[in-house]
């Protein structure tokens, strides 16, 4: 019997738009950090973390929540 794989819910631009300009907690498959969401487009989101710009593919985001 093969294992069942369940993908996490996708983070979409419609979920991210209300968080623009806010401090958020961001989880990817390999990291967790706090930053400010500046922008989100069809395939990516742009955050500022400790004065560093970070662009993340929406496919790499596991979750984004208000900080």
N, C-alpha and C. Protein backbone atom coordinates (compact mmCIF):
# COMPACT_ATOMS: atom_id res chain seq x y z
N UNK A 1 0.84 -1.18 0.00
CA UNK A 1 0.00 0.00 0.00
C UNK A 1 0.88 1.24 0.00
N UNK A 2 0.61 2.19 -0.90
CA UNK A 2 1.40 3.42 -0.95
C UNK A 2 0.94 4.42 0.11
N UNK A 3 1.90 5.21 0.60
CA UNK A 3 1.53 6.24 1.58
C UNK A 3 0.70 7.34 0.91
N UNK A 4 -0.13 7.99 1.69
CA UNK A 4 -0.93 9.11 1.19
C UNK A 4 -0.17 10.40 1.51
N UNK A 5 0.02 11.22 0.52
CA UNK A 5 0.71 12.49 0.71
C UNK A 5 -0.32 13.61 0.66
N UNK A 6 -0.32 14.46 1.68
CA UNK A 6 -1.25 15.58 1.74
C UNK A 6 -0.42 16.86 1.67
N UNK A 7 -0.65 17.66 0.65
CA UNK A 7 0.06 18.93 0.53
C UNK A 7 -0.52 19.94 1.52
N UNK A 8 0.33 20.82 2.08
CA UNK A 8 -0.21 21.86 2.96
C UNK A 8 -1.06 22.83 2.15
N UNK A 9 -1.95 23.55 2.81
CA UNK A 9 -2.75 24.55 2.06
C UNK A 9 -1.82 25.56 1.41
N UNK A 10 -2.16 25.92 0.21
CA UNK A 10 -1.34 26.88 -0.53
C UNK A 10 -1.56 28.30 0.00
N UNK A 11 -0.47 29.03 0.12
CA UNK A 11 -0.56 30.45 0.45
C UNK A 11 -0.80 31.18 -0.87
N UNK A 12 -1.86 31.96 -0.94
CA UNK A 12 -2.22 32.65 -2.17
C UNK A 12 -2.14 34.15 -2.00
N UNK A 13 -2.14 34.86 -3.10
CA UNK A 13 -2.11 36.33 -3.03
C UNK A 13 -3.35 36.87 -2.34
N UNK A 14 -4.49 36.22 -2.50
CA UNK A 14 -5.71 36.72 -1.84
C UNK A 14 -5.61 36.59 -0.32
N UNK A 15 -4.86 35.62 0.17
CA UNK A 15 -4.63 35.47 1.61
C UNK A 15 -3.63 36.52 2.08
N UNK A 16 -2.63 36.81 1.26
CA UNK A 16 -1.56 37.72 1.66
C UNK A 16 -1.93 39.20 1.56
N UNK A 17 -2.77 39.57 0.62
CA UNK A 17 -3.06 41.00 0.39
C UNK A 17 -3.48 41.76 1.65
N UNK A 18 -4.36 41.22 2.50
CA UNK A 18 -4.73 41.98 3.70
C UNK A 18 -3.57 42.18 4.69
N UNK A 19 -2.49 41.42 4.52
CA UNK A 19 -1.35 41.51 5.43
C UNK A 19 -0.26 42.46 4.92
N UNK A 20 -0.44 43.06 3.75
CA UNK A 20 0.58 43.97 3.21
C UNK A 20 0.83 45.11 4.20
N UNK A 21 2.12 45.36 4.44
CA UNK A 21 2.52 46.42 5.35
C UNK A 21 2.57 45.99 6.81
N UNK A 22 2.16 44.78 7.10
CA UNK A 22 2.10 44.29 8.48
C UNK A 22 3.31 43.41 8.81
N UNK A 23 3.62 43.34 10.10
CA UNK A 23 4.60 42.40 10.60
C UNK A 23 3.98 41.01 10.54
N UNK A 24 4.71 40.04 9.99
CA UNK A 24 4.19 38.69 9.84
C UNK A 24 5.24 37.66 10.26
N UNK A 25 4.76 36.48 10.63
CA UNK A 25 5.60 35.31 10.84
C UNK A 25 5.50 34.48 9.59
N UNK A 26 6.64 34.12 9.03
CA UNK A 26 6.69 33.41 7.76
C UNK A 26 7.36 32.06 7.97
N UNK A 27 6.71 31.02 7.51
CA UNK A 27 7.30 29.68 7.57
C UNK A 27 7.42 29.13 6.16
N UNK A 28 8.64 28.68 5.85
CA UNK A 28 8.88 27.95 4.62
C UNK A 28 9.25 26.53 5.03
N UNK A 29 9.57 25.69 4.08
CA UNK A 29 9.95 24.34 4.41
C UNK A 29 11.22 24.24 5.23
N UNK A 30 12.05 25.30 5.20
CA UNK A 30 13.34 25.23 5.88
C UNK A 30 13.59 26.32 6.92
N UNK A 31 12.68 27.28 7.06
CA UNK A 31 12.96 28.39 7.97
C UNK A 31 11.69 29.00 8.54
N UNK A 32 11.88 29.74 9.62
CA UNK A 32 10.81 30.53 10.23
C UNK A 32 11.41 31.88 10.57
N UNK A 33 10.77 32.97 10.13
CA UNK A 33 11.26 34.29 10.45
C UNK A 33 10.13 35.29 10.55
N UNK A 34 10.46 36.47 11.09
CA UNK A 34 9.51 37.57 11.24
C UNK A 34 9.97 38.72 10.36
N UNK A 35 9.02 39.30 9.64
CA UNK A 35 9.36 40.43 8.78
C UNK A 35 8.11 41.20 8.41
N UNK A 36 8.27 42.14 7.50
CA UNK A 36 7.17 42.95 7.00
C UNK A 36 6.86 42.53 5.57
N UNK A 37 5.60 42.24 5.30
CA UNK A 37 5.19 41.91 3.93
C UNK A 37 5.02 43.21 3.16
N UNK A 38 5.82 43.37 2.11
CA UNK A 38 5.73 44.59 1.31
C UNK A 38 4.84 44.43 0.10
N UNK A 39 4.90 43.27 -0.55
CA UNK A 39 4.17 43.10 -1.79
C UNK A 39 3.95 41.62 -2.06
N UNK A 40 2.93 41.33 -2.83
CA UNK A 40 2.72 39.95 -3.30
C UNK A 40 2.16 40.03 -4.71
N UNK A 41 2.68 39.16 -5.55
CA UNK A 41 2.23 39.06 -6.93
C UNK A 41 1.89 37.61 -7.21
N UNK A 42 1.56 37.31 -8.42
CA UNK A 42 1.07 35.98 -8.80
C UNK A 42 1.94 34.83 -8.28
N UNK A 43 3.26 34.97 -8.36
CA UNK A 43 4.14 33.84 -8.03
C UNK A 43 5.05 34.05 -6.84
N UNK A 44 5.08 35.26 -6.24
CA UNK A 44 6.04 35.50 -5.17
C UNK A 44 5.54 36.56 -4.19
N UNK A 45 6.23 36.60 -3.05
CA UNK A 45 5.95 37.62 -2.04
C UNK A 45 7.27 38.26 -1.64
N UNK A 46 7.22 39.55 -1.32
CA UNK A 46 8.41 40.32 -0.99
C UNK A 46 8.29 40.75 0.46
N UNK A 47 9.28 40.39 1.25
CA UNK A 47 9.32 40.71 2.68
C UNK A 47 10.59 41.49 2.98
N UNK A 48 10.59 42.25 4.08
CA UNK A 48 11.80 42.85 4.62
C UNK A 48 12.02 42.21 5.98
N UNK A 49 13.19 41.60 6.14
CA UNK A 49 13.56 40.93 7.39
C UNK A 49 14.89 41.52 7.84
N UNK A 50 14.86 42.23 9.00
CA UNK A 50 16.09 42.84 9.53
C UNK A 50 16.82 43.65 8.46
N UNK A 51 16.13 44.54 7.78
CA UNK A 51 16.69 45.41 6.74
C UNK A 51 17.20 44.68 5.50
N UNK A 52 16.78 43.44 5.32
CA UNK A 52 17.17 42.67 4.15
C UNK A 52 15.92 42.32 3.35
N UNK A 53 15.94 42.58 2.04
CA UNK A 53 14.83 42.21 1.17
C UNK A 53 14.87 40.70 0.93
N UNK A 54 13.72 40.07 1.06
CA UNK A 54 13.61 38.63 0.83
C UNK A 54 12.42 38.40 -0.10
N UNK A 55 12.67 37.76 -1.24
CA UNK A 55 11.60 37.42 -2.18
C UNK A 55 11.46 35.90 -2.14
N UNK A 56 10.23 35.45 -1.90
CA UNK A 56 9.97 34.02 -1.73
C UNK A 56 8.88 33.59 -2.72
N UNK A 57 9.10 32.50 -3.39
CA UNK A 57 8.08 31.93 -4.26
C UNK A 57 6.89 31.51 -3.41
N UNK A 58 5.68 31.77 -3.88
CA UNK A 58 4.49 31.36 -3.13
C UNK A 58 4.46 29.85 -2.92
N UNK A 59 5.06 29.09 -3.81
CA UNK A 59 5.09 27.64 -3.68
C UNK A 59 5.95 27.20 -2.50
N UNK A 60 6.90 28.06 -2.08
CA UNK A 60 7.78 27.73 -0.96
C UNK A 60 7.20 28.12 0.39
N UNK A 61 6.14 28.93 0.39
CA UNK A 61 5.54 29.37 1.65
C UNK A 61 4.63 28.28 2.21
N UNK A 62 4.87 27.95 3.48
CA UNK A 62 4.00 26.99 4.18
C UNK A 62 2.89 27.76 4.89
N UNK A 63 3.27 28.87 5.55
CA UNK A 63 2.27 29.70 6.23
C UNK A 63 2.79 31.11 6.42
N UNK A 64 1.86 32.05 6.50
CA UNK A 64 2.15 33.45 6.82
C UNK A 64 1.03 33.90 7.74
N UNK A 65 1.43 34.39 8.94
CA UNK A 65 0.45 34.82 9.94
C UNK A 65 0.85 36.18 10.49
N UNK A 66 -0.12 36.99 10.93
CA UNK A 66 0.24 38.25 11.59
C UNK A 66 1.13 37.97 12.80
N UNK A 67 2.13 38.84 12.99
CA UNK A 67 3.05 38.66 14.13
C UNK A 67 2.45 39.18 15.42
